[in-house]
Amino acid sequence: MFGVLADPVRRKLLESLRSRPRSTVELAGMFELGRPAVSEHLAVLRNAGLVREEPRGRHRFYHLEAARLAEVSEWLHPFEHYWKQRLEALSDLLDEEDGT
């Protein structure tokens, strides 16, 4: 899953699907990539269960499947405490340096 989400094009595709389903043509228009390249990224997202495809006539529309992202969030949740502590320690250190 993290390999799928590591690609910036795929992350932007997911972000663009947050508001509503979009066609392959519309999604491809958001990038300087050809439609076949965008279709390949969409296939990776579909195979990972992050989007679903809906055929409508000659077009394909993609919908965000947020449940899979929730699974990732649940897995990452225990690490939030660790990073929060680390960021607070960094903030304290920077405050100390500003005071000297």
Protein backbone atom coordinates (compact mmCIF):
# COMPACT_ATOMS: atom_id res chain seq x y z
CA MET A 1 0.00 0.00 0.00
CA PHE A 2 2.77 2.44 0.88
CA GLY A 3 4.44 1.77 -2.46
CA VAL A 4 1.19 2.69 -4.19
CA LEU A 5 0.84 5.89 -2.15
CA ALA A 6 4.49 6.85 -2.58
CA ASP A 7 3.94 8.03 -6.15
CA PRO A 8 3.03 11.75 -6.34
CA VAL A 9 0.83 11.26 -9.42
CA ARG A 10 -1.25 8.63 -7.64
CA ARG A 11 -1.57 10.83 -4.55
CA LYS A 12 -2.78 13.72 -6.71
CA LEU A 13 -5.28 11.41 -8.41
CA LEU A 14 -6.65 10.38 -5.02
CA GLU A 15 -6.84 14.01 -3.89
CA SER A 16 -8.76 14.97 -7.02
CA LEU A 17 -11.30 12.20 -6.39
CA ARG A 18 -12.08 13.42 -2.85
CA SER A 19 -14.71 15.88 -4.04
CA ARG A 20 -16.44 13.75 -6.68
CA PRO A 21 -16.00 10.94 -9.22
CA ARG A 22 -14.12 11.95 -12.35
CA SER A 23 -13.62 10.49 -15.81
CA THR A 24 -10.31 9.23 -17.11
CA VAL A 25 -10.28 12.10 -19.61
CA GLU A 26 -10.83 14.69 -16.88
CA LEU A 27 -8.15 13.13 -14.67
CA ALA A 28 -5.67 12.95 -17.53
CA GLY A 29 -6.22 16.66 -18.20
CA MET A 30 -4.77 17.44 -14.77
CA PHE A 31 -1.33 16.11 -15.69
CA GLU A 32 1.33 16.56 -18.30
CA LEU A 33 1.11 12.84 -18.88
CA GLY A 34 -0.69 11.03 -21.65
CA ARG A 35 -3.98 9.30 -21.00
CA PRO A 36 -2.34 5.82 -21.16
CA ALA A 37 0.09 6.77 -18.37
CA VAL A 38 -2.74 8.12 -16.20
CA SER A 39 -4.74 4.96 -16.93
CA GLU A 40 -1.82 2.87 -15.69
CA HIS A 41 -1.72 4.83 -12.42
CA LEU A 42 -5.48 4.40 -12.07
CA ALA A 43 -5.09 0.65 -12.61
CA VAL A 44 -2.54 0.51 -9.78
CA LEU A 45 -4.94 2.42 -7.52
CA ARG A 46 -7.82 0.15 -8.56
CA ASN A 47 -5.78 -3.01 -7.89
CA ALA A 48 -4.90 -1.63 -4.43
CA GLY A 49 -8.60 -1.08 -3.72
CA LEU A 50 -8.22 2.70 -3.43
CA VAL A 51 -10.51 3.54 -6.34
CA ARG A 52 -13.32 1.80 -8.16
CA GLU A 53 -14.14 2.12 -11.81
CA GLU A 54 -17.62 2.78 -13.15
CA PRO A 55 -18.22 2.43 -16.89
CA ARG A 56 -20.65 5.03 -18.28
CA GLY A 57 -21.08 4.63 -21.99
CA ARG A 58 -17.69 5.16 -23.65
CA HIS A 59 -16.16 6.72 -20.54
CA ARG A 60 -14.86 5.33 -17.27
CA PHE A 61 -15.43 7.22 -14.05
CA TYR A 62 -13.35 6.69 -10.96
CA HIS A 63 -14.58 6.88 -7.37
CA LEU A 64 -12.43 7.14 -4.25
CA GLU A 65 -12.64 4.11 -1.96
CA ALA A 66 -11.71 5.76 1.34
CA ALA A 67 -12.07 2.60 3.44
CA ARG A 68 -8.63 1.39 2.31
CA LEU A 69 -7.13 4.73 3.33
CA ALA A 70 -8.77 4.36 6.73
CA GLU A 71 -6.90 1.07 7.16
CA VAL A 72 -3.62 2.88 6.50
CA SER A 73 -4.59 5.62 8.94
CA GLU A 74 -5.40 3.06 11.63
CA TRP A 75 -2.03 1.42 11.14
CA LEU A 76 -0.22 4.78 11.34
CA HIS A 77 -2.18 6.05 14.34
CA PRO A 78 0.09 4.50 17.02
CA PHE A 79 3.06 6.31 15.48
CA GLU A 80 1.39 9.73 15.83
CA HIS A 81 2.27 9.83 19.52
CA TYR A 82 5.93 9.15 18.72
CA TRP A 83 6.13 11.91 16.11
CA LYS A 84 4.22 14.35 18.28
CA GLN A 85 6.74 13.82 21.08
CA ARG A 86 9.66 14.24 18.67
CA LEU A 87 8.23 17.45 17.24
CA GLU A 88 7.56 18.84 20.71
CA ALA A 89 11.17 18.06 21.72
CA LEU A 90 12.43 19.81 18.57
CA SER A 91 10.22 22.81 19.31
CA ASP A 92 11.59 22.99 22.86
CA LEU A 93 15.15 22.82 21.57
CA LEU A 94 14.51 25.61 19.06
CA ASP A 95 12.90 27.74 21.76
CA GLU A 96 15.99 27.24 23.94
CA GLU A 97 18.29 28.29 21.09
CA ASP A 98 16.20 31.42 20.43
CA GLY A 99 16.49 32.36 24.10
CA THR A 100 20.32 32.27 24.15
